[in-house]
Amino acid sequence: MRQPKKNEEGGMFELKFYSGYKGKEIPKAVIIGNREFNIEEIISRKRVLDQKSGRRFEVYKCKMEGEIVEIKVYESGEWEISFL
């Protein structure tokens, strides 16, 4: 399953999930333009409730292409990625 997203320059980013019997379960790859970056390892995963906004999201700390990244996935399907 993929979640597309546009960046400020109009380029496409997508987040690909492993889909198990519960639906979207864990991120599998990030696609930027025509390149796919595989997520090699999920280091940690936690569910967070933002006290200010009331929004729930999952935070994944992952190893991707040798780099450590943090991926936040909101219930709405929106997501963001940060390099640590």
C-alpha atoms as a PDB file:
ATOM      1  CA  MET A   1       0.000   0.000   0.000  1.00  0.00           C
ATOM      2  CA  ARG A   2       1.335   3.458  -0.863  1.00  0.00           C
ATOM      3  CA  GLN A   3       0.727   6.900   0.618  1.00  0.00           C
ATOM      4  CA  PRO A   4       1.681   9.621  -1.938  1.00  0.00           C
ATOM      5  CA  LYS A   5       2.829  13.075  -0.857  1.00  0.00           C
ATOM      6  CA  LYS A   6       4.113  16.156  -2.709  1.00  0.00           C
ATOM      7  CA  ASN A   7       7.004  18.234  -1.482  1.00  0.00           C
ATOM      8  CA  GLU A   8       7.280  22.004  -1.859  1.00  0.00           C
ATOM      9  CA  GLU A   9       8.975  21.689  -5.255  1.00  0.00           C
ATOM     10  CA  GLY A  10       6.146  19.527  -6.608  1.00  0.00           C
ATOM     11  CA  GLY A  11       8.132  16.268  -6.522  1.00  0.00           C
ATOM     12  CA  MET A  12       6.412  13.098  -5.400  1.00  0.00           C
ATOM     13  CA  PHE A  13       7.237  11.185  -2.244  1.00  0.00           C
ATOM     14  CA  GLU A  14       5.522   7.922  -1.390  1.00  0.00           C
ATOM     15  CA  LEU A  15       5.550   5.716   1.665  1.00  0.00           C
ATOM     16  CA  LYS A  16       5.091   2.007   0.977  1.00  0.00           C
ATOM     17  CA  PHE A  17       3.746  -0.213   3.764  1.00  0.00           C
ATOM     18  CA  TYR A  18       3.880  -3.904   4.451  1.00  0.00           C
ATOM     19  CA  SER A  19       0.208  -4.861   4.568  1.00  0.00           C
ATOM     20  CA  GLY A  20      -0.653  -7.747   6.849  1.00  0.00           C
ATOM     21  CA  TYR A  21      -4.024  -9.014   7.972  1.00  0.00           C
ATOM     22  CA  LYS A  22      -4.625  -5.775   9.919  1.00  0.00           C
ATOM     23  CA  GLY A  23      -3.996  -3.567   6.866  1.00  0.00           C
ATOM     24  CA  LYS A  24      -1.118  -1.059   6.908  1.00  0.00           C
ATOM     25  CA  GLU A  25       1.287  -2.372   9.478  1.00  0.00           C
ATOM     26  CA  ILE A  26       4.847  -1.136   9.060  1.00  0.00           C
ATOM     27  CA  PRO A  27       6.651   1.104   6.565  1.00  0.00           C
ATOM     28  CA  LYS A  28       8.559  -0.891   3.967  1.00  0.00           C
ATOM     29  CA  ALA A  29      10.079   1.745   1.646  1.00  0.00           C
ATOM     30  CA  VAL A  30      10.158   5.442   0.807  1.00  0.00           C
ATOM     31  CA  ILE A  31       9.892   6.364  -2.868  1.00  0.00           C
ATOM     32  CA  ILE A  32      11.330   9.737  -3.910  1.00  0.00           C
ATOM     33  CA  GLY A  33      10.801  10.471  -7.585  1.00  0.00           C
ATOM     34  CA  ASN A  34      11.846   7.275  -9.372  1.00  0.00           C
ATOM     35  CA  ARG A  35      14.099   5.962  -6.572  1.00  0.00           C
ATOM     36  CA  GLU A  36      12.954   3.507  -3.950  1.00  0.00           C
ATOM     37  CA  PHE A  37      14.759   3.476  -0.587  1.00  0.00           C
ATOM     38  CA  ASN A  38      14.156   0.255   1.342  1.00  0.00           C
ATOM     39  CA  ILE A  39      13.687   0.313   5.082  1.00  0.00           C
ATOM     40  CA  GLU A  40      16.217  -2.193   6.352  1.00  0.00           C
ATOM     41  CA  GLU A  41      15.156  -2.337   9.998  1.00  0.00           C
ATOM     42  CA  ILE A  42      12.481  -0.983  12.344  1.00  0.00           C
ATOM     43  CA  ILE A  43      14.439   0.089  15.424  1.00  0.00           C
ATOM     44  CA  SER A  44      11.444   1.234  17.472  1.00  0.00           C
ATOM     45  CA  ARG A  45       7.741   1.895  17.113  1.00  0.00           C
ATOM     46  CA  LYS A  46       5.402   3.805  19.398  1.00  0.00           C
ATOM     47  CA  ARG A  47       1.880   5.209  19.284  1.00  0.00           C
ATOM     48  CA  VAL A  48       1.592   8.850  20.386  1.00  0.00           C
ATOM     49  CA  LEU A  49      -1.336  11.095  21.304  1.00  0.00           C
ATOM     50  CA  ASP A  50      -0.534  14.798  20.809  1.00  0.00           C
ATOM     51  CA  GLN A  51      -2.015  16.516  23.865  1.00  0.00           C
ATOM     52  CA  LYS A  52      -2.444  19.874  22.088  1.00  0.00           C
ATOM     53  CA  SER A  53      -4.127  18.747  18.872  1.00  0.00           C
ATOM     54  CA  GLY A  54      -5.628  15.446  20.010  1.00  0.00           C
ATOM     55  CA  ARG A  55      -4.151  13.765  16.917  1.00  0.00           C
ATOM     56  CA  ARG A  56      -2.840  10.224  17.160  1.00  0.00           C
ATOM     57  CA  PHE A  57       0.128   9.003  15.186  1.00  0.00           C
ATOM     58  CA  GLU A  58       2.688   6.216  15.030  1.00  0.00           C
ATOM     59  CA  VAL A  59       6.382   7.024  15.246  1.00  0.00           C
ATOM     60  CA  TYR A  60       8.829   4.624  13.630  1.00  0.00           C
ATOM     61  CA  LYS A  61      12.562   4.925  14.100  1.00  0.00           C
ATOM     62  CA  CYS A  62      14.087   3.061  11.149  1.00  0.00           C
ATOM     63  CA  LYS A  63      17.321   2.243   9.414  1.00  0.00           C
ATOM     64  CA  MET A  64      17.008   3.218   5.741  1.00  0.00           C
ATOM     65  CA  GLU A  65      19.920   2.921   3.313  1.00  0.00           C
ATOM     66  CA  GLY A  66      22.361   3.027   6.254  1.00  0.00           C
ATOM     67  CA  GLU A  67      20.810   6.206   7.734  1.00  0.00           C
ATOM     68  CA  ILE A  68      18.565   6.495  10.798  1.00  0.00           C
ATOM     69  CA  VAL A  69      15.206   8.129  10.034  1.00  0.00           C
ATOM     70  CA  GLU A  70      12.050   8.881  11.969  1.00  0.00           C
ATOM     71  CA  ILE A  71       8.721   8.421  10.201  1.00  0.00           C
ATOM     72  CA  LYS A  72       5.487   9.786  11.686  1.00  0.00           C
ATOM     73  CA  VAL A  73       2.276   8.326  10.278  1.00  0.00           C
ATOM     74  CA  TYR A  74      -0.964  10.098  11.238  1.00  0.00           C
ATOM     75  CA  GLU A  75      -4.386   8.433  11.376  1.00  0.00           C
ATOM     76  CA  SER A  76      -5.460  10.606   8.434  1.00  0.00           C
ATOM     77  CA  GLY A  77      -2.833   8.903   6.258  1.00  0.00           C
ATOM     78  CA  GLU A  78      -0.513  11.918   6.251  1.00  0.00           C
ATOM     79  CA  TRP A  79       3.122  11.214   7.065  1.00  0.00           C
ATOM     80  CA  GLU A  80       6.450  12.922   7.478  1.00  0.00           C
ATOM     81  CA  ILE A  81      10.041  11.749   7.528  1.00  0.00           C
ATOM     82  CA  SER A  82      13.035  13.223   9.373  1.00  0.00           C
ATOM     83  CA  PHE A  83      16.688  12.245   9.129  1.00  0.00           C
ATOM     84  CA  LEU A  84      18.269  11.919  12.584  1.00  0.00           C
END
